[in-house]
N, C-alpha and C. Protein backbone atom coordinates (compact mmCIF):
# COMPACT_ATOMS: atom_id res chain seq x y z
N MET A 1 -1.38 35.91 -28.43
CA MET A 1 -1.62 36.49 -27.10
C MET A 1 -2.96 36.16 -26.67
N SER A 2 -3.15 35.88 -25.39
CA SER A 2 -4.47 35.61 -24.86
C SER A 2 -5.13 36.86 -24.37
N LYS A 3 -6.25 36.84 -23.87
CA LYS A 3 -6.95 38.07 -23.34
C LYS A 3 -6.09 38.63 -22.24
N GLY A 4 -5.98 39.96 -22.14
CA GLY A 4 -5.23 40.52 -21.06
C GLY A 4 -3.79 40.83 -21.48
N GLY A 5 -3.42 40.46 -22.72
CA GLY A 5 -2.08 40.77 -23.26
C GLY A 5 -0.94 39.85 -22.75
N HIS A 6 -1.30 38.75 -22.07
CA HIS A 6 -0.29 37.84 -21.66
C HIS A 6 -0.11 36.66 -22.62
N PRO A 7 1.09 36.28 -22.92
CA PRO A 7 1.30 35.13 -23.81
C PRO A 7 0.75 33.89 -23.25
N LYS A 8 0.20 33.01 -24.12
CA LYS A 8 -0.28 31.71 -23.65
C LYS A 8 0.85 30.77 -23.27
N LYS A 9 0.58 29.99 -22.20
CA LYS A 9 1.59 29.02 -21.75
C LYS A 9 1.40 27.80 -22.66
N PRO A 10 2.52 27.18 -23.10
CA PRO A 10 2.44 25.99 -23.95
C PRO A 10 1.91 24.83 -23.03
N ALA A 11 1.16 23.91 -23.62
CA ALA A 11 0.61 22.77 -22.94
C ALA A 11 1.83 21.85 -22.55
N PRO A 12 1.77 21.25 -21.36
CA PRO A 12 2.91 20.36 -20.99
C PRO A 12 3.00 19.14 -21.87
N ALA A 13 4.24 18.75 -22.14
CA ALA A 13 4.47 17.58 -22.99
C ALA A 13 3.89 16.35 -22.34
N SER A 14 3.35 15.39 -23.11
CA SER A 14 2.85 14.21 -22.55
C SER A 14 3.95 13.41 -21.85
N GLY A 15 3.54 12.71 -20.78
CA GLY A 15 4.50 11.93 -20.05
C GLY A 15 5.28 12.76 -18.98
N GLY A 16 5.50 14.06 -19.30
CA GLY A 16 6.13 14.94 -18.32
C GLY A 16 5.16 15.25 -17.23
N GLY A 17 4.93 16.53 -17.09
CA GLY A 17 3.80 16.95 -16.20
C GLY A 17 4.18 17.03 -14.77
N LYS A 18 3.08 16.92 -13.98
CA LYS A 18 3.21 17.22 -12.55
C LYS A 18 3.87 16.07 -11.78
N LYS A 19 4.51 16.49 -10.69
CA LYS A 19 5.02 15.50 -9.74
C LYS A 19 3.94 15.37 -8.65
N VAL A 20 3.69 14.14 -8.34
CA VAL A 20 2.66 13.86 -7.32
C VAL A 20 3.36 13.54 -6.04
N ASP A 21 2.98 14.29 -5.00
CA ASP A 21 3.55 14.00 -3.69
C ASP A 21 2.99 12.71 -3.06
N ILE A 22 3.85 11.89 -2.55
CA ILE A 22 3.48 10.62 -1.94
C ILE A 22 3.91 10.67 -0.46
N LYS A 23 2.94 10.50 0.45
CA LYS A 23 3.23 10.54 1.89
C LYS A 23 2.85 9.15 2.37
N ILE A 24 3.86 8.38 2.76
CA ILE A 24 3.64 7.03 3.32
C ILE A 24 3.17 7.14 4.74
N VAL A 25 2.07 6.51 5.03
CA VAL A 25 1.44 6.58 6.37
C VAL A 25 1.78 5.39 7.19
N ALA A 26 1.70 4.15 6.58
CA ALA A 26 1.98 2.92 7.33
C ALA A 26 2.58 1.86 6.37
N GLU A 27 3.45 1.07 6.90
CA GLU A 27 4.09 -0.06 6.14
C GLU A 27 3.89 -1.30 6.93
N ASN A 28 3.72 -2.41 6.17
CA ASN A 28 3.56 -3.71 6.76
C ASN A 28 4.90 -4.44 6.60
N ARG A 29 5.86 -4.16 7.49
CA ARG A 29 7.17 -4.79 7.42
C ARG A 29 7.14 -6.25 7.64
N LYS A 30 6.22 -6.70 8.48
CA LYS A 30 6.10 -8.13 8.81
C LYS A 30 5.71 -8.93 7.56
N ALA A 31 4.93 -8.37 6.68
CA ALA A 31 4.58 -8.96 5.45
C ALA A 31 5.75 -9.26 4.60
N ARG A 32 6.65 -8.30 4.48
CA ARG A 32 7.87 -8.42 3.68
C ARG A 32 8.75 -9.53 4.26
N HIS A 33 8.72 -9.69 5.55
CA HIS A 33 9.55 -10.73 6.17
C HIS A 33 8.95 -12.11 6.06
N ASP A 34 7.63 -12.20 6.25
CA ASP A 34 6.92 -13.50 6.24
C ASP A 34 6.62 -14.06 4.85
N TYR A 35 6.58 -13.23 3.87
CA TYR A 35 6.16 -13.64 2.47
C TYR A 35 7.16 -13.32 1.40
N SER A 36 7.12 -14.12 0.35
CA SER A 36 7.86 -13.77 -0.89
C SER A 36 6.86 -13.08 -1.81
N ILE A 37 7.29 -11.88 -2.21
CA ILE A 37 6.34 -10.99 -3.01
C ILE A 37 6.40 -11.43 -4.49
N ILE A 38 5.25 -11.78 -5.07
CA ILE A 38 5.19 -12.16 -6.46
C ILE A 38 4.86 -10.99 -7.42
N ASP A 39 3.82 -10.23 -7.00
CA ASP A 39 3.29 -9.11 -7.83
C ASP A 39 2.68 -8.07 -6.94
N THR A 40 2.84 -6.80 -7.27
CA THR A 40 2.18 -5.72 -6.49
C THR A 40 1.22 -4.90 -7.36
N PHE A 41 0.24 -4.29 -6.69
CA PHE A 41 -0.75 -3.45 -7.33
C PHE A 41 -1.03 -2.31 -6.38
N GLU A 42 -1.49 -1.19 -7.05
CA GLU A 42 -1.93 0.01 -6.33
C GLU A 42 -3.37 0.06 -6.45
N ALA A 43 -4.06 0.20 -5.19
CA ALA A 43 -5.54 0.32 -5.19
C ALA A 43 -5.97 1.50 -4.35
N GLY A 44 -7.10 2.07 -4.71
CA GLY A 44 -7.66 3.11 -3.87
C GLY A 44 -8.44 2.42 -2.79
N ILE A 45 -8.80 3.17 -1.75
CA ILE A 45 -9.57 2.58 -0.61
C ILE A 45 -10.83 3.47 -0.45
N GLU A 46 -12.00 2.78 -0.25
CA GLU A 46 -13.21 3.48 -0.02
C GLU A 46 -13.22 3.75 1.49
N LEU A 47 -13.16 5.00 1.95
CA LEU A 47 -13.04 5.34 3.34
C LEU A 47 -14.10 6.33 3.72
N LEU A 48 -14.44 6.39 5.05
CA LEU A 48 -15.29 7.36 5.64
C LEU A 48 -14.42 8.61 6.01
N GLY A 49 -15.07 9.71 6.21
CA GLY A 49 -14.29 10.89 6.57
C GLY A 49 -13.48 10.83 7.78
N SER A 50 -13.97 10.16 8.88
CA SER A 50 -13.26 10.05 10.11
C SER A 50 -12.08 9.08 9.90
N GLU A 51 -12.18 8.09 8.99
CA GLU A 51 -11.09 7.18 8.68
C GLU A 51 -9.95 7.95 8.03
N VAL A 52 -10.31 8.81 7.06
CA VAL A 52 -9.25 9.57 6.34
C VAL A 52 -8.50 10.47 7.35
N LYS A 53 -9.24 11.13 8.27
CA LYS A 53 -8.54 11.94 9.29
C LYS A 53 -7.68 11.09 10.21
N SER A 54 -8.11 9.93 10.61
CA SER A 54 -7.30 9.02 11.47
C SER A 54 -6.01 8.56 10.71
N ILE A 55 -6.13 8.27 9.40
CA ILE A 55 -4.99 7.78 8.60
C ILE A 55 -4.02 9.00 8.43
N ARG A 56 -4.48 10.18 8.19
CA ARG A 56 -3.67 11.34 8.06
C ARG A 56 -2.82 11.54 9.37
N LYS A 57 -3.49 11.30 10.46
CA LYS A 57 -2.89 11.42 11.76
C LYS A 57 -1.84 10.24 12.02
N GLY A 58 -1.98 9.20 11.30
CA GLY A 58 -1.06 8.04 11.42
C GLY A 58 -1.60 6.92 12.30
N ASP A 59 -2.82 6.95 12.62
CA ASP A 59 -3.43 5.93 13.51
C ASP A 59 -3.97 4.72 12.68
N LEU A 60 -3.03 3.94 12.13
CA LEU A 60 -3.33 2.84 11.24
C LEU A 60 -2.34 1.69 11.54
N ASN A 61 -2.87 0.47 11.58
CA ASN A 61 -2.06 -0.68 11.78
C ASN A 61 -2.48 -1.77 10.76
N LEU A 62 -1.46 -2.19 9.95
CA LEU A 62 -1.68 -3.20 8.89
C LEU A 62 -1.31 -4.62 9.35
N LYS A 63 -0.86 -4.78 10.61
CA LYS A 63 -0.39 -6.12 11.03
C LYS A 63 -1.61 -7.05 10.98
N ASP A 64 -1.43 -8.26 10.44
CA ASP A 64 -2.41 -9.33 10.33
C ASP A 64 -3.60 -8.92 9.41
N SER A 65 -3.42 -7.89 8.54
CA SER A 65 -4.50 -7.59 7.58
C SER A 65 -4.28 -8.33 6.30
N TYR A 66 -5.33 -8.52 5.58
CA TYR A 66 -5.27 -9.26 4.32
C TYR A 66 -6.41 -8.77 3.41
N VAL A 67 -6.35 -9.21 2.15
CA VAL A 67 -7.35 -8.85 1.13
C VAL A 67 -8.25 -10.06 0.87
N ALA A 68 -9.55 -9.87 1.03
CA ALA A 68 -10.58 -10.99 0.79
C ALA A 68 -11.44 -10.55 -0.33
N PHE A 69 -11.97 -11.61 -1.05
CA PHE A 69 -12.88 -11.34 -2.13
C PHE A 69 -14.34 -11.79 -1.80
N VAL A 70 -15.23 -10.87 -2.02
CA VAL A 70 -16.68 -11.12 -1.74
C VAL A 70 -17.48 -10.64 -2.91
N ASN A 71 -18.13 -11.52 -3.66
CA ASN A 71 -18.95 -11.20 -4.83
C ASN A 71 -18.12 -10.42 -5.89
N GLY A 72 -16.92 -10.81 -6.10
CA GLY A 72 -16.10 -10.22 -7.16
C GLY A 72 -15.47 -8.92 -6.80
N GLN A 73 -15.63 -8.49 -5.53
CA GLN A 73 -15.04 -7.22 -5.05
C GLN A 73 -13.92 -7.57 -4.05
N ALA A 74 -12.89 -6.73 -3.97
CA ALA A 74 -11.75 -6.93 -3.05
C ALA A 74 -12.02 -6.04 -1.86
N TYR A 75 -11.83 -6.61 -0.61
CA TYR A 75 -12.01 -5.87 0.58
C TYR A 75 -10.73 -6.03 1.47
N LEU A 76 -10.33 -4.92 2.12
CA LEU A 76 -9.21 -4.97 3.03
C LEU A 76 -9.80 -5.31 4.38
N GLN A 77 -9.34 -6.43 5.00
CA GLN A 77 -9.85 -6.89 6.30
C GLN A 77 -8.77 -6.85 7.32
N ASN A 78 -9.21 -6.65 8.62
CA ASN A 78 -8.35 -6.63 9.74
C ASN A 78 -7.34 -5.47 9.77
N ALA A 79 -7.54 -4.45 8.98
CA ALA A 79 -6.73 -3.28 9.04
C ALA A 79 -7.31 -2.37 10.11
N HIS A 80 -6.54 -2.07 11.20
CA HIS A 80 -7.10 -1.32 12.29
C HIS A 80 -6.87 0.15 12.07
N ILE A 81 -7.92 0.88 11.89
CA ILE A 81 -7.84 2.38 11.80
C ILE A 81 -8.56 2.87 13.11
N SER A 82 -7.78 3.47 13.94
CA SER A 82 -8.33 3.97 15.22
C SER A 82 -9.40 4.99 15.00
N GLU A 83 -10.35 5.09 15.98
CA GLU A 83 -11.42 6.06 15.93
C GLU A 83 -10.77 7.47 16.00
N TYR A 84 -11.41 8.41 15.27
CA TYR A 84 -10.95 9.78 15.29
C TYR A 84 -11.64 10.44 16.47
N ARG A 85 -10.85 10.84 17.46
CA ARG A 85 -11.46 11.42 18.72
C ARG A 85 -12.27 12.69 18.48
N ALA A 86 -11.90 13.49 17.56
CA ALA A 86 -12.56 14.80 17.38
C ALA A 86 -13.87 14.59 16.63
N SER A 87 -14.07 13.38 16.04
CA SER A 87 -15.31 13.12 15.41
C SER A 87 -16.42 12.93 16.43
N SER A 88 -17.62 13.20 16.00
CA SER A 88 -18.74 13.04 16.99
C SER A 88 -19.22 11.64 17.03
N TYR A 89 -20.52 11.46 17.24
CA TYR A 89 -21.12 10.16 17.29
C TYR A 89 -21.07 9.45 15.93
N MET A 90 -20.70 10.08 14.89
CA MET A 90 -20.67 9.46 13.53
C MET A 90 -19.28 8.79 13.23
N ASN A 91 -18.68 8.22 14.25
CA ASN A 91 -17.38 7.63 14.06
C ASN A 91 -17.45 6.29 13.44
N HIS A 92 -16.41 5.73 12.93
CA HIS A 92 -16.35 4.45 12.19
C HIS A 92 -15.96 3.36 13.16
N LEU A 93 -16.20 2.09 12.70
CA LEU A 93 -15.68 0.86 13.43
C LEU A 93 -14.21 0.69 13.06
N PRO A 94 -13.37 0.49 14.05
CA PRO A 94 -11.90 0.38 13.78
C PRO A 94 -11.52 -0.70 12.79
N GLU A 95 -12.15 -1.91 12.82
CA GLU A 95 -11.71 -3.02 11.97
C GLU A 95 -12.80 -3.45 10.96
N ARG A 96 -13.56 -2.52 10.44
CA ARG A 96 -14.58 -2.88 9.47
C ARG A 96 -13.87 -3.24 8.14
N LYS A 97 -14.53 -3.95 7.25
CA LYS A 97 -13.93 -4.23 5.98
C LYS A 97 -14.08 -3.08 5.06
N ARG A 98 -13.02 -2.74 4.31
CA ARG A 98 -13.00 -1.59 3.41
C ARG A 98 -12.78 -2.01 2.01
N ARG A 99 -13.63 -1.50 1.09
CA ARG A 99 -13.60 -1.92 -0.29
C ARG A 99 -12.36 -1.28 -0.94
N LEU A 100 -11.67 -2.09 -1.76
CA LEU A 100 -10.49 -1.68 -2.54
C LEU A 100 -10.96 -1.33 -3.95
N LEU A 101 -10.50 -0.26 -4.48
CA LEU A 101 -10.88 0.23 -5.75
C LEU A 101 -9.81 -0.12 -6.81
N LEU A 102 -10.14 -1.13 -7.57
CA LEU A 102 -9.30 -1.69 -8.64
C LEU A 102 -10.06 -1.83 -9.88
N ASN A 103 -9.41 -1.84 -11.09
CA ASN A 103 -10.19 -2.06 -12.29
C ASN A 103 -10.43 -3.59 -12.45
N ARG A 104 -11.41 -3.92 -13.28
CA ARG A 104 -11.85 -5.33 -13.40
C ARG A 104 -10.66 -6.30 -13.80
N THR A 105 -9.83 -5.92 -14.66
CA THR A 105 -8.72 -6.82 -15.06
C THR A 105 -7.79 -7.11 -13.87
N GLU A 106 -7.50 -6.14 -13.12
CA GLU A 106 -6.65 -6.34 -11.87
C GLU A 106 -7.39 -7.27 -10.90
N LEU A 107 -8.69 -6.94 -10.67
CA LEU A 107 -9.41 -7.74 -9.76
C LEU A 107 -9.44 -9.18 -10.15
N ASP A 108 -9.63 -9.44 -11.47
CA ASP A 108 -9.70 -10.85 -11.93
C ASP A 108 -8.32 -11.51 -11.77
N LYS A 109 -7.24 -10.76 -12.13
CA LYS A 109 -5.87 -11.36 -12.02
C LYS A 109 -5.59 -11.76 -10.53
N ILE A 110 -5.89 -10.92 -9.64
CA ILE A 110 -5.63 -11.09 -8.18
C ILE A 110 -6.49 -12.26 -7.65
N GLU A 111 -7.77 -12.27 -8.04
CA GLU A 111 -8.62 -13.31 -7.58
C GLU A 111 -8.19 -14.72 -8.07
N VAL A 112 -7.78 -14.83 -9.33
CA VAL A 112 -7.32 -16.03 -9.83
C VAL A 112 -6.08 -16.50 -9.15
N ALA A 113 -5.17 -15.56 -8.83
CA ALA A 113 -3.94 -15.92 -8.16
C ALA A 113 -4.14 -16.38 -6.75
N VAL A 114 -5.15 -15.72 -6.07
CA VAL A 114 -5.44 -16.15 -4.71
C VAL A 114 -6.09 -17.48 -4.61
N GLU A 115 -6.80 -17.84 -5.64
CA GLU A 115 -7.48 -19.14 -5.62
C GLU A 115 -6.41 -20.28 -5.74
N GLU A 116 -5.28 -19.94 -6.39
CA GLU A 116 -4.21 -20.90 -6.53
C GLU A 116 -3.66 -21.25 -5.20
N LYS A 117 -3.29 -22.51 -5.03
CA LYS A 117 -2.82 -22.97 -3.68
C LYS A 117 -1.54 -22.29 -3.23
N GLY A 118 -1.52 -21.88 -2.02
CA GLY A 118 -0.29 -21.27 -1.40
C GLY A 118 -0.17 -19.79 -1.64
N LEU A 119 -1.03 -19.13 -2.35
CA LEU A 119 -0.91 -17.73 -2.59
C LEU A 119 -1.98 -16.98 -1.79
N THR A 120 -1.63 -15.78 -1.37
CA THR A 120 -2.61 -14.86 -0.70
C THR A 120 -2.29 -13.47 -1.13
N CYS A 121 -3.14 -12.58 -0.66
CA CYS A 121 -2.97 -11.14 -0.99
C CYS A 121 -2.98 -10.33 0.32
N VAL A 122 -1.87 -9.54 0.52
CA VAL A 122 -1.76 -8.71 1.69
C VAL A 122 -1.38 -7.30 1.38
N PRO A 123 -1.80 -6.29 2.22
CA PRO A 123 -1.31 -4.95 1.97
C PRO A 123 0.10 -4.70 2.44
N LEU A 124 0.87 -4.00 1.70
CA LEU A 124 2.24 -3.67 2.04
C LEU A 124 2.40 -2.35 2.64
N LYS A 125 1.67 -1.37 2.14
CA LYS A 125 1.75 0.02 2.68
C LYS A 125 0.53 0.86 2.32
N VAL A 126 0.20 1.81 3.16
CA VAL A 126 -0.84 2.78 2.84
C VAL A 126 -0.18 4.15 2.78
N TYR A 127 -0.56 4.92 1.79
CA TYR A 127 0.00 6.19 1.51
C TYR A 127 -1.00 7.11 0.88
N PHE A 128 -0.73 8.46 0.94
CA PHE A 128 -1.49 9.46 0.21
C PHE A 128 -0.74 9.88 -1.01
N LYS A 129 -1.51 9.80 -2.14
CA LYS A 129 -0.88 10.16 -3.43
C LYS A 129 -1.81 11.25 -4.00
N GLY A 130 -1.35 12.42 -4.06
CA GLY A 130 -2.13 13.49 -4.63
C GLY A 130 -3.43 13.74 -3.82
N GLY A 131 -3.40 13.47 -2.55
CA GLY A 131 -4.61 13.69 -1.70
C GLY A 131 -5.48 12.53 -1.56
N TRP A 132 -5.24 11.46 -2.37
CA TRP A 132 -6.10 10.26 -2.32
C TRP A 132 -5.40 9.17 -1.52
N ALA A 133 -6.15 8.48 -0.64
CA ALA A 133 -5.56 7.36 0.09
C ALA A 133 -5.41 6.14 -0.87
N LYS A 134 -4.23 5.60 -0.80
CA LYS A 134 -3.98 4.38 -1.68
C LYS A 134 -3.33 3.34 -0.80
N VAL A 135 -3.48 2.06 -1.27
CA VAL A 135 -2.89 0.97 -0.57
C VAL A 135 -2.12 0.18 -1.64
N GLU A 136 -0.89 -0.27 -1.27
CA GLU A 136 -0.14 -1.14 -2.16
C GLU A 136 -0.34 -2.52 -1.72
N ILE A 137 -1.00 -3.37 -2.56
CA ILE A 137 -1.23 -4.70 -2.14
C ILE A 137 -0.41 -5.65 -2.94
N ALA A 138 -0.10 -6.82 -2.50
CA ALA A 138 0.81 -7.73 -3.17
C ALA A 138 0.24 -9.16 -3.13
N ILE A 139 0.46 -9.89 -4.19
CA ILE A 139 0.17 -11.36 -4.23
C ILE A 139 1.47 -12.00 -3.67
N VAL A 140 1.27 -12.82 -2.66
CA VAL A 140 2.46 -13.33 -1.92
C VAL A 140 2.38 -14.80 -1.72
N ARG A 141 3.51 -15.43 -1.43
CA ARG A 141 3.63 -16.81 -1.12
C ARG A 141 4.33 -16.88 0.27
N GLY A 142 3.84 -17.66 1.17
CA GLY A 142 4.47 -17.75 2.49
C GLY A 142 5.85 -18.33 2.45
N LYS A 143 6.74 -17.75 3.23
CA LYS A 143 8.14 -18.30 3.32
C LYS A 143 8.23 -19.39 4.33
N GLN A 144 9.11 -20.32 4.14
CA GLN A 144 9.40 -21.33 5.13
C GLN A 144 10.46 -20.71 6.07
N ALA A 145 10.63 -21.37 7.19
CA ALA A 145 11.52 -20.88 8.20
C ALA A 145 13.01 -20.74 7.64
N HIS A 146 13.39 -21.74 6.87
CA HIS A 146 14.83 -21.73 6.29
C HIS A 146 14.92 -20.63 5.27
N ASP A 147 13.81 -20.20 4.54
CA ASP A 147 13.86 -19.14 3.60
C ASP A 147 14.12 -17.81 4.36
N LYS A 148 13.43 -17.66 5.53
CA LYS A 148 13.61 -16.48 6.38
C LYS A 148 15.05 -16.38 6.84
N ARG A 149 15.63 -17.50 7.30
CA ARG A 149 17.03 -17.49 7.73
C ARG A 149 17.94 -17.11 6.59
N ASP A 150 17.75 -17.70 5.39
CA ASP A 150 18.59 -17.35 4.28
C ASP A 150 18.51 -15.82 3.95
N ALA A 151 17.37 -15.25 3.98
CA ALA A 151 17.12 -13.85 3.72
C ALA A 151 17.87 -13.04 4.77
N MET A 152 17.87 -13.41 6.00
CA MET A 152 18.58 -12.70 7.07
C MET A 152 20.10 -12.81 6.81
N LYS A 153 20.60 -13.96 6.43
CA LYS A 153 22.01 -14.16 6.15
C LYS A 153 22.47 -13.21 5.02
N ASP A 154 21.64 -13.16 3.98
CA ASP A 154 21.94 -12.32 2.85
C ASP A 154 22.01 -10.84 3.24
N ARG A 155 20.98 -10.42 4.03
CA ARG A 155 20.98 -9.02 4.54
C ARG A 155 22.23 -8.74 5.39
N ASP A 156 22.60 -9.66 6.27
CA ASP A 156 23.79 -9.42 7.08
C ASP A 156 25.08 -9.34 6.26
N ALA A 157 25.15 -10.22 5.26
CA ALA A 157 26.31 -10.21 4.40
C ALA A 157 26.42 -8.86 3.60
N GLN A 158 25.28 -8.37 3.11
CA GLN A 158 25.29 -7.15 2.35
C GLN A 158 25.66 -5.96 3.33
N ARG A 159 25.22 -5.98 4.55
CA ARG A 159 25.50 -4.90 5.54
C ARG A 159 27.03 -4.92 5.81
N GLU A 160 27.63 -6.10 6.05
CA GLU A 160 29.06 -6.23 6.32
C GLU A 160 29.88 -5.70 5.12
N LEU A 161 29.39 -6.10 3.90
CA LEU A 161 30.14 -5.66 2.73
C LEU A 161 30.08 -4.15 2.55
N ALA A 162 28.95 -3.51 2.87
CA ALA A 162 28.87 -2.09 2.81
C ALA A 162 29.76 -1.38 3.87
N GLN A 163 29.86 -2.02 5.08
CA GLN A 163 30.73 -1.47 6.08
C GLN A 163 32.18 -1.54 5.70
N VAL A 164 32.59 -2.60 5.02
CA VAL A 164 33.95 -2.76 4.55
C VAL A 164 34.21 -1.68 3.49
N ARG A 165 33.28 -1.49 2.57
CA ARG A 165 33.46 -0.50 1.49
C ARG A 165 33.66 0.88 2.11
N ARG A 166 32.83 1.22 3.11
CA ARG A 166 32.94 2.53 3.73
C ARG A 166 34.27 2.71 4.41
N LYS A 167 34.84 1.63 5.06
CA LYS A 167 36.12 1.75 5.78
C LYS A 167 37.28 1.91 4.72
N ASP A 168 37.15 1.33 3.52
CA ASP A 168 38.20 1.41 2.56
C ASP A 168 38.30 2.73 1.89
N ARG A 169 37.41 3.63 2.06
CA ARG A 169 37.43 4.89 1.35
C ARG A 169 38.47 5.76 1.90
């Protein structure tokens, strides 16, 4: 028994534990259409207070954004986070570069892949995980026009197959 006469709660088993709420704020659907995804990573974002408030409000656009490397650090560029109107004169610039928080091995792996010909790194989605802003970034290779057409044909075929299955029930 602990102080106060209440029994102690057992410690949670490892691996079990808390469920973390994930709230997706923005997705880059165009990136999934234009690129073949090779590998994905989760990174934190270094943000200002007004940026966090704008993202929570949903004022974020990932179209045409990408990840660039400067002095061994990864930065998210061209991601448009609208100014937070309730903020005073201390507002942020909408398209400033924002540092991504990754560990050294992930940074090195991504940087080596991006230096390889034909590969780039783009953000796929931004979300809040346990109160922290995160971005899912991916190492990608550009699709050719015929690859995009093939992907559309496959999607249409899957959709038709699903409709036939629903009608057969």
